[in-house]
């Protein structure tokens, strides 16, 4: 799993917009960032900043899951899809979890599917270190975590019974190449489960950020998920695999107030926040309280699961 630009880096780049100010407080000059910045999920220069510290992703995930009010846990849905569509779900050999991050899905797969081996792969050493630490709690663990590039998977041809790629394909400017690699390592009769989000995910949060003046252009920034989203994931998969099922779910999140919302917003690289706000939930919450009455925020995300298998004849397109 490749997602933040630390405050110091943003300050050095001169990015950000300040919140709205009263008439007797002069507004700072607008600086040249925002709309012309590359998508942070597709910017190689930012990946170490986005995932260089596991605590950022842990805080982001905790805030989001605390807010969740509707939608099945994604790892459990992945397990259910494998059990439904794989011909031998009770006799799996290797399961590859691409973009494993802190190892949440890898551990659920190991516990519920009980394959012979689970390989979690990620490009971020800090996330892999935390995943390995979490795996120590599994008795007789068959889970291992390896560092690697999903454009060049470090596994032999035909070696994996199941390949999972959840919330990671949008970090590639060439997701079809990643799917080609998935097709290469899938064994005959194997199964791929790909997961992504809709382009308009969390748009209510965009509206909040724009309304408070934290980033007036928040609703006009490019989606973080442009490379592989709900609308194109099946086509991306079909470049090298046969798609056999598509499942869409709406996930709903209700943040209980500005303090809770700020815990998530402070880690979101999409917005062009003023220096001192990015990465600082306390400062961000204080700004929200200053410009908007405290209230819950409900936002939504469409989660799409694509299930696919090797093309007939065994040759990827």
Protein backbone atom coordinates (compact mmCIF):
# COMPACT_ATOMS: atom_id res chain seq x y z
CA UNK A 1 0.00 0.00 0.00
CA UNK A 2 1.53 3.11 -1.01
CA UNK A 3 -0.49 7.78 1.19
CA UNK A 4 1.46 12.59 3.22
CA UNK A 5 3.50 15.45 2.81
CA UNK A 6 4.97 16.48 6.15
CA UNK A 7 4.42 20.02 7.34
CA UNK A 8 8.07 20.93 6.89
CA UNK A 9 8.09 19.76 3.30
CA UNK A 10 4.97 21.75 2.47
CA UNK A 11 6.39 24.82 4.15
CA UNK A 12 9.59 24.50 2.15
CA UNK A 13 7.57 24.21 -1.05
CA UNK A 14 5.51 27.27 -0.16
CA UNK A 15 2.18 25.50 -0.56
CA UNK A 16 -1.09 26.03 1.20
CA UNK A 17 -4.04 28.31 1.65
CA UNK A 18 -4.96 29.85 4.97
CA UNK A 19 -8.50 29.68 6.36
CA UNK A 20 -10.85 32.60 5.79
CA UNK A 21 -10.02 35.70 7.81
CA UNK A 22 -12.12 38.53 9.10
CA UNK A 23 -11.97 41.83 7.16
CA UNK A 24 -9.55 43.34 9.67
CA UNK A 25 -7.11 40.48 9.23
CA UNK A 26 -5.34 40.63 5.85
CA UNK A 27 -5.27 37.43 3.87
CA UNK A 28 -1.88 35.94 3.04
CA UNK A 29 -0.83 35.72 -0.60
CA UNK A 30 -1.91 32.70 -2.58
CA UNK A 31 1.06 30.55 -3.44
CA UNK A 32 1.67 28.34 -6.43
CA UNK A 33 0.56 24.85 -5.48
CA UNK A 34 -2.64 22.85 -5.59
CA UNK A 35 -4.18 22.34 -9.01
CA UNK A 36 -0.87 21.90 -10.83
CA UNK A 37 0.65 19.50 -8.32
CA UNK A 38 0.92 15.87 -9.49
CA UNK A 39 -1.45 13.39 -7.92
CA UNK A 40 0.36 12.50 -4.66
CA UNK A 41 -0.51 8.83 -5.06
CA UNK A 42 1.31 8.80 -8.41
CA UNK A 43 4.28 10.97 -7.44
CA UNK A 44 7.34 8.76 -6.75
CA UNK A 45 9.05 11.61 -4.92
CA UNK A 46 6.36 11.60 -2.25
CA UNK A 47 6.06 7.92 -1.44
CA UNK A 48 8.62 7.86 1.34
CA UNK A 49 6.88 10.86 2.88
CA UNK A 50 3.47 9.22 2.54
CA UNK A 51 4.53 5.85 3.96
CA UNK A 52 7.85 6.49 5.64
CA UNK A 53 6.26 6.26 9.09
CA UNK A 54 3.75 3.57 9.97
CA UNK A 55 2.14 5.81 12.59
CA UNK A 56 0.59 8.04 9.91
CA UNK A 57 -1.24 5.17 8.24
CA UNK A 58 -2.21 3.69 11.60
CA UNK A 59 -3.72 7.01 12.74
CA UNK A 60 -5.51 7.49 9.43
CA UNK A 61 -6.99 3.97 9.48
CA UNK A 62 -8.00 4.22 13.14
CA UNK A 63 -9.86 7.48 12.56
CA UNK A 64 -11.63 6.10 9.50
CA UNK A 65 -12.63 2.78 11.09
CA UNK A 66 -13.87 4.53 14.23
CA UNK A 67 -16.20 6.53 11.96
CA UNK A 68 -17.48 3.58 9.96
CA UNK A 69 -21.21 2.95 10.24
CA UNK A 70 -21.97 0.83 7.16
CA UNK A 71 -20.04 -1.58 4.96
CA UNK A 72 -18.48 -4.98 5.59
CA UNK A 73 -14.84 -5.18 6.68
CA UNK A 74 -12.85 -5.36 3.46
CA UNK A 75 -10.56 -8.26 4.51
CA UNK A 76 -13.59 -10.38 5.38
CA UNK A 77 -15.20 -9.62 2.02
CA UNK A 78 -11.98 -10.68 0.30
CA UNK A 79 -12.04 -13.98 2.21
CA UNK A 80 -15.71 -14.51 1.30
CA UNK A 81 -15.01 -13.91 -2.40
CA UNK A 82 -12.16 -16.42 -2.39
CA UNK A 83 -14.34 -18.99 -0.64
CA UNK A 84 -17.09 -18.41 -3.20
CA UNK A 85 -15.08 -18.34 -6.41
CA UNK A 86 -11.95 -20.44 -5.88
CA UNK A 87 -12.30 -24.12 -6.78
CA UNK A 88 -10.15 -25.23 -3.81
CA UNK A 89 -10.58 -22.61 -1.07
CA UNK A 90 -9.81 -25.16 1.65
CA UNK A 91 -6.52 -26.30 0.04
CA UNK A 92 -4.73 -23.11 -0.87
CA UNK A 93 -1.00 -23.00 -1.31
CA UNK A 94 0.44 -19.50 -1.65
CA UNK A 95 -1.67 -16.36 -1.22
CA UNK A 96 0.05 -13.14 -2.29
CA UNK A 97 -1.23 -9.91 -0.71
CA UNK A 98 0.07 -6.99 -2.79
CA UNK A 99 0.21 -3.62 -1.06
CA UNK A 100 -0.19 -5.36 2.29
CA UNK A 101 0.64 -2.23 4.31
CA UNK A 102 0.51 -2.98 8.04
CA UNK A 103 -0.61 -6.55 7.32
CA UNK A 104 -4.30 -6.36 8.28
CA UNK A 105 -5.65 -8.29 5.28
CA UNK A 106 -2.72 -10.71 5.28
CA UNK A 107 -3.43 -11.72 8.88
CA UNK A 108 -7.16 -12.14 8.29
CA UNK A 109 -6.45 -14.28 5.22
CA UNK A 110 -4.04 -16.43 7.21
CA UNK A 111 -6.50 -16.91 10.06
CA UNK A 112 -9.65 -17.54 8.01
CA UNK A 113 -8.44 -19.23 4.81
CA UNK A 114 -5.49 -21.08 6.38
CA UNK A 115 -3.37 -21.36 3.22
CA UNK A 116 0.01 -23.03 3.35
CA UNK A 117 1.72 -19.65 3.03
CA UNK A 118 0.77 -15.97 2.90
CA UNK A 119 3.21 -13.51 1.34
CA UNK A 120 2.52 -9.85 2.08
CA UNK A 121 4.34 -7.49 -0.29
CA UNK A 122 4.79 -3.76 0.04
CA UNK A 123 7.26 -1.08 -1.02
CA UNK A 124 7.34 0.65 2.39
CA UNK A 125 9.84 -0.78 4.92
CA UNK A 126 8.19 0.98 7.86
CA UNK A 127 4.83 -0.63 7.14
CA UNK A 128 6.42 -4.05 6.67
CA UNK A 129 8.19 -3.76 10.01
CA UNK A 130 4.87 -3.17 11.75
CA UNK A 131 3.24 -6.00 9.80
CA UNK A 132 5.96 -8.40 10.95
CA UNK A 133 5.48 -7.28 14.54
CA UNK A 134 1.74 -7.90 14.33
CA UNK A 135 2.28 -11.34 12.77
CA UNK A 136 4.20 -12.47 15.85
CA UNK A 137 0.85 -12.89 17.60
CA UNK A 138 -0.10 -15.71 15.24
CA UNK A 139 0.90 -19.16 16.54
CA UNK A 140 2.91 -21.17 14.02
CA UNK A 141 2.60 -18.27 11.61
CA UNK A 142 2.90 -19.03 7.92
CA UNK A 143 2.86 -15.33 7.03
CA UNK A 144 5.92 -13.55 5.71
CA UNK A 145 6.32 -9.96 4.59
CA UNK A 146 8.69 -8.91 1.82
CA UNK A 147 9.67 -5.61 0.28
CA UNK A 148 9.13 -5.32 -3.44
CA UNK A 149 7.76 -3.45 -6.45
CA UNK A 150 4.39 -4.58 -7.72
CA UNK A 151 5.53 -3.83 -11.28
CA UNK A 152 8.05 -6.68 -10.90
CA UNK A 153 6.69 -9.21 -8.44
CA UNK A 154 9.46 -11.26 -6.81
CA UNK A 155 7.62 -14.57 -7.21
CA UNK A 156 7.97 -17.30 -9.85
CA UNK A 157 5.52 -17.78 -12.69
CA UNK A 158 2.41 -19.70 -11.69
CA UNK A 159 3.35 -19.79 -8.00
CA UNK A 160 0.26 -18.27 -6.34
CA UNK A 161 -3.20 -19.75 -5.86
CA UNK A 162 -4.65 -16.37 -4.88
CA UNK A 163 -3.41 -12.82 -5.44
CA UNK A 164 -5.01 -9.92 -3.59
CA UNK A 165 -4.39 -6.28 -4.57
CA UNK A 166 -6.47 -4.05 -2.28
CA UNK A 167 -6.24 -0.25 -2.32
CA UNK A 168 -2.90 -0.20 -4.10
CA UNK A 169 -3.39 -0.22 -7.87
CA UNK A 170 -4.14 3.52 -7.86
CA UNK A 171 -0.54 4.05 -6.76
CA UNK A 172 0.65 2.92 -10.20
CA UNK A 173 0.60 5.10 -13.32
CA UNK A 174 0.41 1.79 -15.23
CA UNK A 175 -1.99 -0.46 -13.28
CA UNK A 176 -2.36 -2.71 -16.33
CA UNK A 177 1.33 -3.61 -15.93
CA UNK A 178 0.67 -4.67 -12.34
CA UNK A 179 -2.25 -6.81 -13.49
CA UNK A 180 0.08 -8.39 -16.05
CA UNK A 181 2.40 -9.34 -13.20
CA UNK A 182 -0.54 -10.76 -11.26
CA UNK A 183 -1.48 -12.88 -14.28
CA UNK A 184 2.11 -14.11 -14.50
CA UNK A 185 2.34 -15.34 -10.90
CA UNK A 186 -1.17 -16.86 -10.75
CA UNK A 187 -1.29 -20.64 -10.94
CA UNK A 188 -3.73 -22.35 -13.32
CA UNK A 189 -7.12 -22.21 -11.63
CA UNK A 190 -5.92 -19.35 -9.45
CA UNK A 191 -7.91 -16.30 -8.45
CA UNK A 192 -7.22 -12.57 -8.21
CA UNK A 193 -9.21 -10.20 -6.01
CA UNK A 194 -8.67 -6.52 -6.81
CA UNK A 195 -10.14 -3.74 -4.64
CA UNK A 196 -10.40 0.01 -5.13
CA UNK A 197 -12.55 3.08 -4.38
CA UNK A 198 -14.83 5.31 -6.39
CA UNK A 199 -13.58 8.58 -7.83
CA UNK A 200 -16.05 10.56 -5.71
CA UNK A 201 -15.15 8.90 -2.41
CA UNK A 202 -15.33 11.22 0.61
CA UNK A 203 -16.68 14.12 -1.45
CA UNK A 204 -18.57 15.38 1.62
CA UNK A 205 -15.17 15.90 3.22
CA UNK A 206 -14.08 17.86 0.16
CA UNK A 207 -17.11 20.09 0.65
CA UNK A 208 -16.29 20.65 4.32
CA UNK A 209 -12.68 21.60 3.57
CA UNK A 210 -13.83 24.02 0.88
CA UNK A 211 -16.60 25.53 3.05
CA UNK A 212 -14.21 26.34 5.90
CA UNK A 213 -11.69 27.89 3.53
CA UNK A 214 -8.99 25.39 4.50
CA UNK A 215 -8.68 24.70 0.78
CA UNK A 216 -11.31 26.55 -1.28
CA UNK A 217 -10.51 24.33 -4.27
CA UNK A 218 -10.85 21.06 -2.35
CA UNK A 219 -13.82 19.82 -4.38
CA UNK A 220 -11.99 20.56 -7.65
CA UNK A 221 -8.78 18.65 -6.97
CA UNK A 222 -8.22 15.49 -8.97
CA UNK A 223 -9.35 12.33 -7.21
CA UNK A 224 -6.56 10.35 -5.56
CA UNK A 225 -7.91 7.22 -7.26
CA UNK A 226 -7.75 8.21 -10.93
CA UNK A 227 -5.42 5.41 -12.03
CA UNK A 228 -7.61 2.55 -10.82
CA UNK A 229 -11.11 3.36 -9.58
CA UNK A 230 -14.56 1.80 -9.40
CA UNK A 231 -15.38 2.90 -12.92
CA UNK A 232 -12.35 1.37 -14.66
CA UNK A 233 -11.10 -1.45 -12.41
CA UNK A 234 -12.87 -4.22 -14.35
CA UNK A 235 -11.34 -2.95 -17.61
CA UNK A 236 -7.90 -2.73 -15.98
CA UNK A 237 -8.26 -6.32 -14.77
CA UNK A 238 -9.45 -7.51 -18.18
CA UNK A 239 -6.18 -6.37 -19.76
CA UNK A 240 -4.58 -9.65 -18.62
CA UNK A 241 -7.25 -11.62 -16.75
CA UNK A 242 -10.78 -12.92 -17.22
CA UNK A 243 -13.18 -11.03 -14.96
CA UNK A 244 -15.74 -13.35 -13.39
CA UNK A 245 -17.42 -11.13 -10.77
CA UNK A 246 -17.74 -7.49 -9.74
CA UNK A 247 -19.09 -6.40 -6.37
CA UNK A 248 -19.86 -2.81 -5.34
CA UNK A 249 -20.48 -1.77 -1.74
CA UNK A 250 -21.24 1.61 -0.23
CA UNK A 251 -19.26 2.29 2.92
CA UNK A 252 -20.51 5.07 5.18
CA UNK A 253 -18.46 6.95 7.77
CA UNK A 254 -19.75 9.37 10.39
CA UNK A 255 -17.11 11.43 12.17
CA UNK A 256 -18.51 12.56 15.50
CA UNK A 257 -17.19 16.12 15.37
CA UNK A 258 -14.33 18.36 14.28
CA UNK A 259 -11.73 16.70 16.52
CA UNK A 260 -12.47 13.31 14.98
CA UNK A 261 -12.64 14.70 11.44
CA UNK A 262 -9.29 16.45 11.89
CA UNK A 263 -7.60 13.16 12.79
CA UNK A 264 -8.36 11.94 9.28
CA UNK A 265 -7.98 15.24 7.42
CA UNK A 266 -4.53 15.86 8.84
CA UNK A 267 -3.22 12.80 7.00
CA UNK A 268 -4.95 13.43 3.67
CA UNK A 269 -2.49 14.48 0.94
CA UNK A 270 -5.25 15.60 -1.40
CA UNK A 271 -5.72 19.04 0.12
CA UNK A 272 -3.60 22.16 -0.19
CA UNK A 273 -3.56 23.10 3.49
CA UNK A 274 -1.81 26.04 5.06
CA UNK A 275 1.63 25.41 6.60
CA UNK A 276 1.29 24.17 10.15
CA UNK A 277 -2.01 22.34 9.57
CA UNK A 278 -0.95 19.33 7.57
CA UNK A 279 0.00 16.51 9.91
CA UNK A 280 -1.25 18.35 13.01
CA UNK A 281 -4.76 17.19 13.97
CA UNK A 282 -4.91 19.58 16.93
CA UNK A 283 -4.18 22.67 14.86
CA UNK A 284 -6.54 21.52 12.14
CA UNK A 285 -9.34 20.85 14.64
CA UNK A 286 -8.85 24.30 16.18
CA UNK A 287 -9.25 25.88 12.75
CA UNK A 288 -12.42 23.88 12.04
CA UNK A 289 -13.87 24.96 15.39
CA UNK A 290 -13.04 28.59 14.60
CA UNK A 291 -14.89 28.72 11.31
CA UNK A 292 -17.73 26.19 11.61
CA UNK A 293 -20.00 25.03 14.47
CA UNK A 294 -18.96 21.61 15.73
CA UNK A 295 -21.08 18.91 14.13
CA UNK A 296 -20.84 15.34 12.86
CA UNK A 297 -19.72 14.72 9.29
CA UNK A 298 -21.08 11.79 7.28
CA UNK A 299 -19.17 10.81 4.16
CA UNK A 300 -19.24 7.86 1.78
CA UNK A 301 -17.00 5.73 -0.36
CA UNK A 302 -17.89 3.22 -3.04
CA UNK A 303 -15.73 0.11 -2.65
CA UNK A 304 -15.40 -2.11 -5.72
CA UNK A 305 -14.15 -5.70 -5.71
CA UNK A 306 -13.20 -7.36 -8.99
CA UNK A 307 -12.67 -11.12 -9.03
CA UNK A 308 -10.69 -12.50 -11.97
CA UNK A 309 -8.85 -15.59 -13.08
CA UNK A 310 -6.14 -16.45 -15.61
CA UNK A 311 -7.23 -16.25 -19.22
CA UNK A 312 -8.09 -19.51 -20.91
CA UNK A 313 -5.00 -21.02 -22.43
CA UNK A 314 -2.87 -19.63 -19.61
CA UNK A 315 -1.35 -16.78 -21.61
CA UNK A 316 -1.90 -13.21 -20.36
CA UNK A 317 -2.93 -10.67 -22.97
